[in-house]
């Protein structure tokens, strides 16, 4: 039964179109469900973007110290 859960989480993996990071919508639903509704509305971007990029705090949004 544990193998079945592992395979379902593997099939849920997506790659963020902005930063390239792999993420799981199911994992975000269980740990950060409050971002899916207003005011963040992550439900509109969860198919293409990781949560950090959707919130504007992803690795490409943060300036690197030069």
PDB file of N, CA and C in Angstrom:
ATOM      1  N   UNK A   1       0.821  -1.194   0.000  1.00  0.00           N
ATOM      2  CA  UNK A   1       0.000   0.000   0.000  1.00  0.00           C
ATOM      3  C   UNK A   1       0.865   1.259   0.000  1.00  0.00           C
ATOM      4  N   UNK A   2       1.983   1.255   0.703  1.00  0.00           N
ATOM      5  CA  UNK A   2       2.876   2.411   0.717  1.00  0.00           C
ATOM      6  C   UNK A   2       3.436   2.673  -0.672  1.00  0.00           C
ATOM      7  N   UNK A   3       3.683   1.617  -1.447  1.00  0.00           N
ATOM      8  CA  UNK A   3       4.183   1.794  -2.800  1.00  0.00           C
ATOM      9  C   UNK A   3       3.173   2.535  -3.661  1.00  0.00           C
ATOM     10  N   UNK A   4       1.905   2.263  -3.441  1.00  0.00           N
ATOM     11  CA  UNK A   4       0.864   2.918  -4.218  1.00  0.00           C
ATOM     12  C   UNK A   4       0.855   4.422  -3.938  1.00  0.00           C
ATOM     13  N   UNK A   5       1.045   4.823  -2.679  1.00  0.00           N
ATOM     14  CA  UNK A   5       1.099   6.236  -2.344  1.00  0.00           C
ATOM     15  C   UNK A   5       2.322   6.892  -2.953  1.00  0.00           C
ATOM     16  N   UNK A   6       3.455   6.173  -2.943  1.00  0.00           N
ATOM     17  CA  UNK A   6       4.673   6.716  -3.532  1.00  0.00           C
ATOM     18  C   UNK A   6       4.493   6.966  -5.018  1.00  0.00           C
ATOM     19  N   UNK A   7       3.872   6.028  -5.726  1.00  0.00           N
ATOM     20  CA  UNK A   7       3.710   6.188  -7.170  1.00  0.00           C
ATOM     21  C   UNK A   7       2.732   7.311  -7.494  1.00  0.00           C
ATOM     22  N   UNK A   8       1.708   7.516  -6.664  1.00  0.00           N
ATOM     23  CA  UNK A   8       0.778   8.609  -6.943  1.00  0.00           C
ATOM     24  C   UNK A   8       1.442   9.963  -6.724  1.00  0.00           C
ATOM     25  N   UNK A   9       2.334  10.072  -5.736  1.00  0.00           N
ATOM     26  CA  UNK A   9       3.020  11.339  -5.535  1.00  0.00           C
ATOM     27  C   UNK A   9       4.030  11.589  -6.645  1.00  0.00           C
ATOM     28  N   UNK A  10       4.606  10.521  -7.209  1.00  0.00           N
ATOM     29  CA  UNK A  10       5.532  10.675  -8.322  1.00  0.00           C
ATOM     30  C   UNK A  10       4.798  11.163  -9.571  1.00  0.00           C
ATOM     31  N   UNK A  11       3.590  10.688  -9.804  1.00  0.00           N
ATOM     32  CA  UNK A  11       2.842  11.113 -10.987  1.00  0.00           C
ATOM     33  C   UNK A  11       2.307  12.524 -10.825  1.00  0.00           C
ATOM     34  N   UNK A  12       2.239  13.019  -9.603  1.00  0.00           N
ATOM     35  CA  UNK A  12       1.766  14.377  -9.334  1.00  0.00           C
ATOM     36  C   UNK A  12       2.873  15.409  -9.543  1.00  0.00           C
ATOM     37  N   UNK A  13       4.108  14.970  -9.717  1.00  0.00           N
ATOM     38  CA  UNK A  13       5.200  15.922  -9.868  1.00  0.00           C
ATOM     39  C   UNK A  13       5.060  16.734 -11.143  1.00  0.00           C
ATOM     40  N   UNK A  14       5.290  18.010 -10.999  1.00  0.00           N
ATOM     41  CA  UNK A  14       5.257  18.944 -12.117  1.00  0.00           C
ATOM     42  C   UNK A  14       6.556  19.722 -12.107  1.00  0.00           C
ATOM     43  N   UNK A  15       6.829  20.434 -13.179  1.00  0.00           N
ATOM     44  CA  UNK A  15       8.018  21.285 -13.262  1.00  0.00           C
ATOM     45  C   UNK A  15       7.555  22.712 -13.505  1.00  0.00           C
ATOM     46  N   UNK A  16       7.996  23.623 -12.652  1.00  0.00           N
ATOM     47  CA  UNK A  16       7.622  25.030 -12.750  1.00  0.00           C
ATOM     48  C   UNK A  16       8.142  25.611 -14.057  1.00  0.00           C
ATOM     49  N   UNK A  17       7.274  26.290 -14.800  1.00  0.00           N
ATOM     50  CA  UNK A  17       7.679  26.862 -16.081  1.00  0.00           C
ATOM     51  C   UNK A  17       8.577  28.078 -15.907  1.00  0.00           C
ATOM     52  N   UNK A  18       8.618  28.649 -14.706  1.00  0.00           N
ATOM     53  CA  UNK A  18       9.458  29.819 -14.474  1.00  0.00           C
ATOM     54  C   UNK A  18      10.856  29.445 -13.978  1.00  0.00           C
ATOM     55  N   UNK A  19      10.937  28.635 -12.920  1.00  0.00           N
ATOM     56  CA  UNK A  19      12.240  28.340 -12.325  1.00  0.00           C
ATOM     57  C   UNK A  19      12.750  26.933 -12.610  1.00  0.00           C
ATOM     58  N   UNK A  20      11.869  26.040 -13.093  1.00  0.00           N
ATOM     59  CA  UNK A  20      12.278  24.679 -13.415  1.00  0.00           C
ATOM     60  C   UNK A  20      12.249  23.712 -12.249  1.00  0.00           C
ATOM     61  N   UNK A  21      11.883  24.165 -11.064  1.00  0.00           N
ATOM     62  CA  UNK A  21      11.828  23.309  -9.880  1.00  0.00           C
ATOM     63  C   UNK A  21      10.676  22.313  -9.989  1.00  0.00           C
ATOM     64  N   UNK A  22      10.901  21.079  -9.531  1.00  0.00           N
ATOM     65  CA  UNK A  22       9.819  20.104  -9.476  1.00  0.00           C
ATOM     66  C   UNK A  22       9.000  20.362  -8.224  1.00  0.00           C
ATOM     67  N   UNK A  23       7.692  20.189  -8.342  1.00  0.00           N
ATOM     68  CA  UNK A  23       6.806  20.387  -7.194  1.00  0.00           C
ATOM     69  C   UNK A  23       5.592  19.484  -7.327  1.00  0.00           C
ATOM     70  N   UNK A  24       4.860  19.357  -6.242  1.00  0.00           N
ATOM     71  CA  UNK A  24       3.669  18.515  -6.197  1.00  0.00           C
ATOM     72  C   UNK A  24       2.485  19.362  -5.724  1.00  0.00           C
ATOM     73  N   UNK A  25       1.458  19.421  -6.532  1.00  0.00           N
ATOM     74  CA  UNK A  25       0.248  20.145  -6.136  1.00  0.00           C
ATOM     75  C   UNK A  25      -0.349  19.500  -4.892  1.00  0.00           C
ATOM     76  N   UNK A  26      -0.345  18.185  -4.830  1.00  0.00           N
ATOM     77  CA  UNK A  26      -0.899  17.472  -3.678  1.00  0.00           C
ATOM     78  C   UNK A  26      -0.151  17.841  -2.398  1.00  0.00           C
ATOM     79  N   UNK A  27       1.161  17.965  -2.481  1.00  0.00           N
ATOM     80  CA  UNK A  27       1.945  18.358  -1.299  1.00  0.00           C
ATOM     81  C   UNK A  27       1.575  19.768  -0.858  1.00  0.00           C
ATOM     82  N   UNK A  28       1.401  20.687  -1.812  1.00  0.00           N
ATOM     83  CA  UNK A  28       0.988  22.052  -1.471  1.00  0.00           C
ATOM     84  C   UNK A  28      -0.413  22.061  -0.878  1.00  0.00           C
ATOM     85  N   UNK A  29      -1.303  21.218  -1.388  1.00  0.00           N
ATOM     86  CA  UNK A  29      -2.662  21.158  -0.845  1.00  0.00           C
ATOM     87  C   UNK A  29      -2.654  20.723   0.608  1.00  0.00           C
ATOM     88  N   UNK A  30      -1.751  19.820   0.954  1.00  0.00           N
ATOM     89  CA  UNK A  30      -1.726  19.336   2.330  1.00  0.00           C
ATOM     90  C   UNK A  30      -0.951  20.260   3.260  1.00  0.00           C
ATOM     91  N   UNK A  31      -0.019  21.048   2.733  1.00  0.00           N
ATOM     92  CA  UNK A  31       0.797  21.886   3.621  1.00  0.00           C
ATOM     93  C   UNK A  31       0.524  23.382   3.501  1.00  0.00           C
ATOM     94  N   UNK A  32      -0.074  23.820   2.401  1.00  0.00           N
ATOM     95  CA  UNK A  32      -0.273  25.260   2.184  1.00  0.00           C
ATOM     96  C   UNK A  32      -1.589  25.542   1.472  1.00  0.00           C
ATOM     97  N   UNK A  33      -2.643  24.872   1.881  1.00  0.00           N
ATOM     98  CA  UNK A  33      -3.936  24.989   1.203  1.00  0.00           C
ATOM     99  C   UNK A  33      -4.487  26.410   1.205  1.00  0.00           C
ATOM    100  N   UNK A  34      -4.131  27.215   2.195  1.00  0.00           N
ATOM    101  CA  UNK A  34      -4.668  28.575   2.291  1.00  0.00           C
ATOM    102  C   UNK A  34      -4.229  29.464   1.132  1.00  0.00           C
ATOM    103  N   UNK A  35      -3.193  29.093   0.388  1.00  0.00           N
ATOM    104  CA  UNK A  35      -2.755  29.898  -0.759  1.00  0.00           C
ATOM    105  C   UNK A  35      -3.610  29.663  -2.013  1.00  0.00           C
ATOM    106  N   UNK A  36      -4.434  28.626  -2.026  1.00  0.00           N
ATOM    107  CA  UNK A  36      -5.227  28.299  -3.213  1.00  0.00           C
ATOM    108  C   UNK A  36      -6.426  29.232  -3.393  1.00  0.00           C
ATOM    109  N   UNK A  37      -6.896  29.806  -2.328  1.00  0.00           N
ATOM    110  CA  UNK A  37      -8.053  30.710  -2.395  1.00  0.00           C
ATOM    111  C   UNK A  37      -7.583  32.173  -2.379  1.00  0.00           C
ATOM    112  N   UNK A  38      -8.524  33.080  -2.480  1.00  0.00           N
ATOM    113  CA  UNK A  38      -8.202  34.518  -2.419  1.00  0.00           C
ATOM    114  C   UNK A  38      -7.534  34.819  -1.073  1.00  0.00           C
ATOM    115  N   UNK A  39      -6.633  35.730  -0.988  1.00  0.00           N
ATOM    116  CA  UNK A  39      -6.230  36.690  -2.002  1.00  0.00           C
ATOM    117  C   UNK A  39      -5.127  36.193  -2.938  1.00  0.00           C
ATOM    118  N   UNK A  40      -4.557  35.022  -2.678  1.00  0.00           N
ATOM    119  CA  UNK A  40      -3.426  34.545  -3.481  1.00  0.00           C
ATOM    120  C   UNK A  40      -3.859  33.864  -4.773  1.00  0.00           C
ATOM    121  N   UNK A  41      -4.973  33.125  -4.720  1.00  0.00           N
ATOM    122  CA  UNK A  41      -5.553  32.452  -5.895  1.00  0.00           C
ATOM    123  C   UNK A  41      -4.579  31.524  -6.617  1.00  0.00           C
ATOM    124  N   UNK A  42      -3.781  30.797  -5.858  1.00  0.00           N
ATOM    125  CA  UNK A  42      -2.823  29.862  -6.457  1.00  0.00           C
ATOM    126  C   UNK A  42      -3.518  28.785  -7.284  1.00  0.00           C
ATOM    127  N   UNK A  43      -4.804  28.558  -7.050  1.00  0.00           N
ATOM    128  CA  UNK A  43      -5.548  27.578  -7.852  1.00  0.00           C
ATOM    129  C   UNK A  43      -5.472  27.902  -9.337  1.00  0.00           C
ATOM    130  N   UNK A  44      -5.269  29.167  -9.681  1.00  0.00           N
ATOM    131  CA  UNK A  44      -5.184  29.580 -11.085  1.00  0.00           C
ATOM    132  C   UNK A  44      -3.806  29.344 -11.685  1.00  0.00           C
ATOM    133  N   UNK A  45      -2.793  29.132 -10.850  1.00  0.00           N
ATOM    134  CA  UNK A  45      -1.442  28.974 -11.369  1.00  0.00           C
ATOM    135  C   UNK A  45      -0.766  27.677 -11.001  1.00  0.00           C
ATOM    136  N   UNK A  46      -1.432  26.840 -10.211  1.00  0.00           N
ATOM    137  CA  UNK A  46      -0.781  25.636  -9.691  1.00  0.00           C
ATOM    138  C   UNK A  46      -0.398  24.630 -10.771  1.00  0.00           C
ATOM    139  N   UNK A  47      -1.019  24.685 -11.912  1.00  0.00           N
ATOM    140  CA  UNK A  47      -0.694  23.747 -12.993  1.00  0.00           C
ATOM    141  C   UNK A  47       0.649  24.066 -13.651  1.00  0.00           C
ATOM    142  N   UNK A  48       1.082  25.334 -13.621  1.00  0.00           N
ATOM    143  CA  UNK A  48       2.292  25.740 -14.333  1.00  0.00           C
ATOM    144  C   UNK A  48       3.418  26.236 -13.443  1.00  0.00           C
ATOM    145  N   UNK A  49       3.095  26.751 -12.264  1.00  0.00           N
ATOM    146  CA  UNK A  49       4.093  27.409 -11.432  1.00  0.00           C
ATOM    147  C   UNK A  49       4.180  26.797 -10.047  1.00  0.00           C
ATOM    148  N   UNK A  50       5.382  26.744  -9.495  1.00  0.00           N
ATOM    149  CA  UNK A  50       5.528  26.352  -8.096  1.00  0.00           C
ATOM    150  C   UNK A  50       4.955  27.486  -7.242  1.00  0.00           C
ATOM    151  N   UNK A  51       4.676  27.206  -6.012  1.00  0.00           N
ATOM    152  CA  UNK A  51       4.042  28.197  -5.147  1.00  0.00           C
ATOM    153  C   UNK A  51       4.931  29.423  -4.959  1.00  0.00           C
ATOM    154  N   UNK A  52       6.223  29.247  -4.801  1.00  0.00           N
ATOM    155  CA  UNK A  52       7.128  30.384  -4.594  1.00  0.00           C
ATOM    156  C   UNK A  52       7.098  31.336  -5.788  1.00  0.00           C
ATOM    157  N   UNK A  53       7.161  30.799  -6.997  1.00  0.00           N
ATOM    158  CA  UNK A  53       7.121  31.664  -8.186  1.00  0.00           C
ATOM    159  C   UNK A  53       5.771  32.352  -8.310  1.00  0.00           C
ATOM    160  N   UNK A  54       4.683  31.654  -7.995  1.00  0.00           N
ATOM    161  CA  UNK A  54       3.358  32.260  -8.053  1.00  0.00           C
ATOM    162  C   UNK A  54       3.249  33.429  -7.075  1.00  0.00           C
ATOM    163  N   UNK A  55       3.900  33.294  -5.922  1.00  0.00           N
ATOM    164  CA  UNK A  55       3.860  34.355  -4.918  1.00  0.00           C
ATOM    165  C   UNK A  55       4.875  35.464  -5.202  1.00  0.00           C
ATOM    166  N   UNK A  56       5.730  35.244  -6.197  1.00  0.00           N
ATOM    167  CA  UNK A  56       6.720  36.260  -6.538  1.00  0.00           C
ATOM    168  C   UNK A  56       7.954  36.233  -5.668  1.00  0.00           C
ATOM    169  N   UNK A  57       8.203  35.090  -5.021  1.00  0.00           N
ATOM    170  CA  UNK A  57       9.376  34.967  -4.156  1.00  0.00           C
ATOM    171  C   UNK A  57      10.243  33.773  -4.569  1.00  0.00           C
ATOM    172  N   UNK A  58      10.114  33.364  -5.822  1.00  0.00           N
ATOM    173  CA  UNK A  58      10.888  32.243  -6.333  1.00  0.00           C
ATOM    174  C   UNK A  58      12.344  32.601  -6.530  1.00  0.00           C
ATOM    175  N   UNK A  59      13.156  31.636  -6.907  1.00  0.00           N
ATOM    176  CA  UNK A  59      14.589  31.871  -7.066  1.00  0.00           C
ATOM    177  C   UNK A  59      14.926  32.910  -8.120  1.00  0.00           C
ATOM    178  N   UNK A  60      14.097  33.094  -9.132  1.00  0.00           N
ATOM    179  CA  UNK A  60      14.362  34.089 -10.157  1.00  0.00           C
ATOM    180  C   UNK A  60      13.841  35.471  -9.774  1.00  0.00           C
ATOM    181  N   UNK A  61      13.027  35.552  -8.727  1.00  0.00           N
ATOM    182  CA  UNK A  61      12.460  36.825  -8.285  1.00  0.00           C
ATOM    183  C   UNK A  61      13.341  37.540  -7.266  1.00  0.00           C
ATOM    184  N   UNK A  62      14.198  36.779  -6.619  1.00  0.00           N
ATOM    185  CA  UNK A  62      15.038  37.341  -5.563  1.00  0.00           C
ATOM    186  C   UNK A  62      16.365  37.765  -6.164  1.00  0.00           C
ATOM    187  N   UNK A  63      16.709  39.031  -5.989  1.00  0.00           N
ATOM    188  CA  UNK A  63      17.976  39.545  -6.504  1.00  0.00           C
ATOM    189  C   UNK A  63      19.148  38.872  -5.795  1.00  0.00           C
ATOM    190  N   UNK A  64      20.134  38.490  -6.568  1.00  0.00           N
ATOM    191  CA  UNK A  64      21.331  37.918  -5.973  1.00  0.00           C
ATOM    192  C   UNK A  64      22.288  39.039  -5.600  1.00  0.00           C
ATOM    193  N   UNK A  65      22.920  38.928  -4.432  1.00  0.00           N
ATOM    194  CA  UNK A  65      23.860  39.979  -4.024  1.00  0.00           C
ATOM    195  C   UNK A  65      25.111  39.937  -4.903  1.00  0.00           C
ATOM    196  N   UNK A  66      25.397  41.034  -5.565  1.00  0.00           N
ATOM    197  CA  UNK A  66      26.575  41.104  -6.430  1.00  0.00           C
ATOM    198  C   UNK A  66      27.571  42.113  -5.892  1.00  0.00           C
TER     199      UNK A  66
END
